[in-house]
Structures are given as C-alpha cells and as structure tokens.
Protein backbone atom coordinates (compact mmCIF):
# COMPACT_ATOMS: atom_id res chain seq x y z
CA MET A 1 26.24 -162.54 289.51
CA ARG A 2 26.89 -159.15 291.03
CA VAL A 3 27.81 -158.63 294.68
CA VAL A 4 26.38 -155.48 296.27
CA TRP A 5 26.58 -154.27 299.85
CA THR A 6 23.55 -152.76 301.58
CA ARG A 7 23.85 -149.57 303.60
CA GLN A 8 23.41 -151.62 306.77
CA ALA A 9 26.27 -153.96 305.83
CA PHE A 10 28.55 -150.97 305.17
CA GLU A 11 27.57 -149.41 308.50
CA ARG A 12 28.36 -152.64 310.36
CA LEU A 13 31.68 -152.91 308.51
CA ALA A 14 32.53 -149.32 309.44
CA GLU A 15 31.70 -150.05 313.10
CA ILE A 16 34.05 -153.03 313.04
CA GLU A 17 36.79 -150.97 311.42
CA ASP A 18 36.35 -148.09 313.89
CA PHE A 19 36.51 -150.47 316.85
CA ILE A 20 39.70 -152.18 315.68
CA ALA A 21 41.27 -148.86 314.63
CA ARG A 22 41.16 -147.60 318.23
CA ASP A 23 44.07 -149.93 318.95
CA ASN A 24 45.54 -150.62 315.54
CA PRO A 25 44.55 -148.67 312.40
CA ARG A 26 46.64 -150.92 310.16
CA ALA A 27 44.91 -154.04 311.45
CA ALA A 28 41.52 -152.34 311.02
CA LYS A 29 42.20 -151.73 307.35
CA HIS A 30 43.46 -155.28 306.91
CA HIS A 31 40.36 -156.82 308.53
CA THR A 32 37.88 -154.79 306.51
CA GLU A 33 39.74 -155.54 303.28
CA ARG A 34 39.64 -159.26 304.12
CA LEU A 35 35.91 -159.12 304.79
CA ILE A 36 35.24 -157.34 301.50
CA ALA A 37 37.53 -159.69 299.58
CA ARG A 38 35.78 -162.72 301.07
CA THR A 39 32.48 -161.63 299.51
CA GLU A 40 33.98 -161.27 296.03
CA SER A 41 33.97 -165.08 295.63
CA LEU A 42 30.17 -164.94 295.84
CA ALA A 43 30.01 -163.46 292.33
CA VAL A 44 31.04 -166.87 291.03
CA HIS A 45 29.88 -169.18 293.84
CA ALA A 46 26.77 -167.57 295.32
CA GLN A 47 25.79 -170.70 297.25
CA LEU A 48 29.22 -170.98 298.88
CA GLY A 49 28.02 -169.99 302.34
CA ARG A 50 25.95 -172.07 304.71
CA ILE A 51 22.32 -171.38 305.59
CA VAL A 52 22.17 -169.04 308.60
CA PRO A 53 21.71 -171.47 311.54
CA GLU A 54 19.28 -169.19 313.39
CA LEU A 55 16.93 -169.40 310.39
CA PRO A 56 16.87 -173.05 309.29
CA GLY A 57 15.08 -173.47 305.99
CA GLY A 58 15.51 -169.77 305.26
CA THR A 59 17.06 -168.09 302.26
CA LEU A 60 19.78 -166.18 304.09
CA ARG A 61 23.29 -167.55 303.82
CA GLU A 62 26.54 -166.65 305.53
CA LEU A 63 30.28 -166.80 305.16
CA VAL A 64 32.57 -166.88 308.17
CA GLU A 65 35.79 -164.90 307.87
CA GLY A 66 37.99 -164.88 310.94
CA HIS A 67 35.78 -163.90 313.86
CA TYR A 68 33.03 -162.40 311.68
CA ARG A 69 29.87 -163.61 310.00
CA ILE A 70 28.93 -162.09 306.66
CA VAL A 71 25.21 -162.59 305.98
CA TYR A 72 23.86 -162.36 302.45
CA ARG A 73 21.02 -163.44 300.20
CA VAL A 74 20.79 -164.26 296.53
CA HIS A 75 17.99 -162.64 294.56
CA GLY A 76 17.99 -163.10 290.82
CA ASP A 77 21.50 -162.30 289.59
CA ILE A 78 22.33 -160.19 292.65
CA VAL A 79 24.17 -161.30 295.78
CA GLU A 80 23.18 -158.81 298.45
CA VAL A 81 25.47 -158.53 301.50
CA LEU A 82 23.10 -157.68 304.34
CA THR A 83 25.19 -157.43 307.50
CA VAL A 84 28.51 -158.30 309.15
CA PHE A 85 28.94 -159.06 312.85
CA GLU A 86 31.10 -160.96 315.33
CA SER A 87 30.73 -164.72 314.99
CA HIS A 88 30.09 -165.37 318.68
CA HIS A 89 26.80 -163.40 318.41
CA LEU A 90 23.46 -164.53 317.05
CA LEU A 91 22.06 -162.73 314.02
CA PRO A 92 20.57 -159.49 315.41
CA LYS A 93 16.82 -159.33 314.75
CA GLU A 94 17.13 -155.70 313.70
CA ASP A 95 19.48 -156.82 310.92
CA LEU A 96 16.91 -159.16 309.38
CA PRO A 97 15.97 -157.76 305.97
CA PRO A 98 12.53 -157.50 304.43
CA GLU A 99 11.90 -159.88 301.57
CA PRO A 100 13.04 -158.44 298.25
CA LYS A 101 10.36 -157.00 296.01
CA GLU A 102 9.83 -158.57 292.62
CA ARG A 103 11.86 -156.66 290.09
CA ASN A 104 13.84 -157.20 286.95
CA ASP A 105 17.29 -157.57 288.51
CA SER A 106 18.96 -157.80 285.11
CA ARG A 107 18.31 -154.07 284.70
CA LEU A 108 20.06 -153.18 287.95
CA LEU A 109 23.78 -152.53 288.16
CA PRO A 110 26.03 -151.66 291.09
CA ARG A 111 27.88 -148.37 290.68
CA SER A 112 31.27 -149.77 291.70
CA LYS A 113 33.06 -151.95 294.26
CA PRO A 114 32.81 -151.14 297.97
CA HIS A 115 35.81 -149.56 299.62
CA ILE A 116 36.69 -148.71 303.20
CA SER A 117 39.34 -146.02 303.45
CA ALA A 118 42.57 -146.43 305.40
CA ASP A 119 41.62 -143.80 307.97
CA ALA A 120 38.57 -145.83 309.06
CA GLN A 121 36.08 -143.48 307.42
CA LEU A 122 33.33 -145.08 305.40
CA GLU A 123 33.11 -144.19 301.74
CA PHE A 124 29.88 -145.10 299.99
CA ARG A 125 30.99 -145.97 296.49
CA VAL A 126 28.35 -148.63 296.08
CA LEU A 127 25.25 -148.95 298.13
CA VAL A 128 22.35 -148.49 295.84
CA LEU A 129 21.35 -150.53 292.86
CA VAL A 130 20.58 -148.15 290.04
CA PRO A 131 18.55 -148.86 286.93
CA ALA A 132 20.78 -149.38 283.90
CA ASN A 133 18.12 -147.96 281.60
CA ARG A 134 14.62 -146.82 282.47
CA ASN A 135 13.25 -147.42 278.97
C-alpha cells in the first residue's frame, strides 16, 4: 500500500502548524511530524483506524493522534489521507471527498513522502498521484 496526502490534507496540516507556531515553532514542527509519522503505519495496516463516527457504514476511516483526527480512505492499493482536524470537532462537510473514480491504481505512484518544513511553510513534495507509465 502507498500512503498519499491530498492537497486538502496538506493545507489542513499547514494550518495546524501555523497556529501552533505562533506560540512555539518547535512544538509546531514536532506536532506535524507526529501526524505525518502516524499515517506511515497505514502502508502496512490500512484498516488500522476506526470508521468515521459521523458516517456509520461509510468507507472513510480515521486515526486519532493527540488532539487531532486524521481522516483517510483506502482505494485499491492507495491510502489517501483526506484531512486533519482537531478531535473535538465533527468532520467538516466541506472536507468530505467525492468518491474516487475507477482507475488502475497500480499504475499510480506518489512522487515522494510529505514534508512540512521547520519554519512552518508548506512544501508540496507529494500531492498528486502521477502515472508511472502511460503506455
């Protein structure tokens, strides 16, 4: 399985990092690194998280790390991190994703691992799944 972060998930992570960095830049880096690290286990154990309680019977799952919920879905051999938000909130409706289109996921590869820089600026090293070979 491959773990990829959507643009929305990276934006939410950057918002969290920016908020924490106002008071403590070191803690901001630590929190975002913990959130990213938590999702790495999904490459081996994609069903590790619970079903999102707001959507019983749905396909979205979540991990809880500290005071944050990390929402993801599994589609083929891809674990797609969809959003991150504070655990005392309900899943924002605007963060609900459209259903994935049918595609041959085995031909899609992430460019590299996500990274949030120490100065709280978002770097998009992986966001988009790119075809491994168009032929």
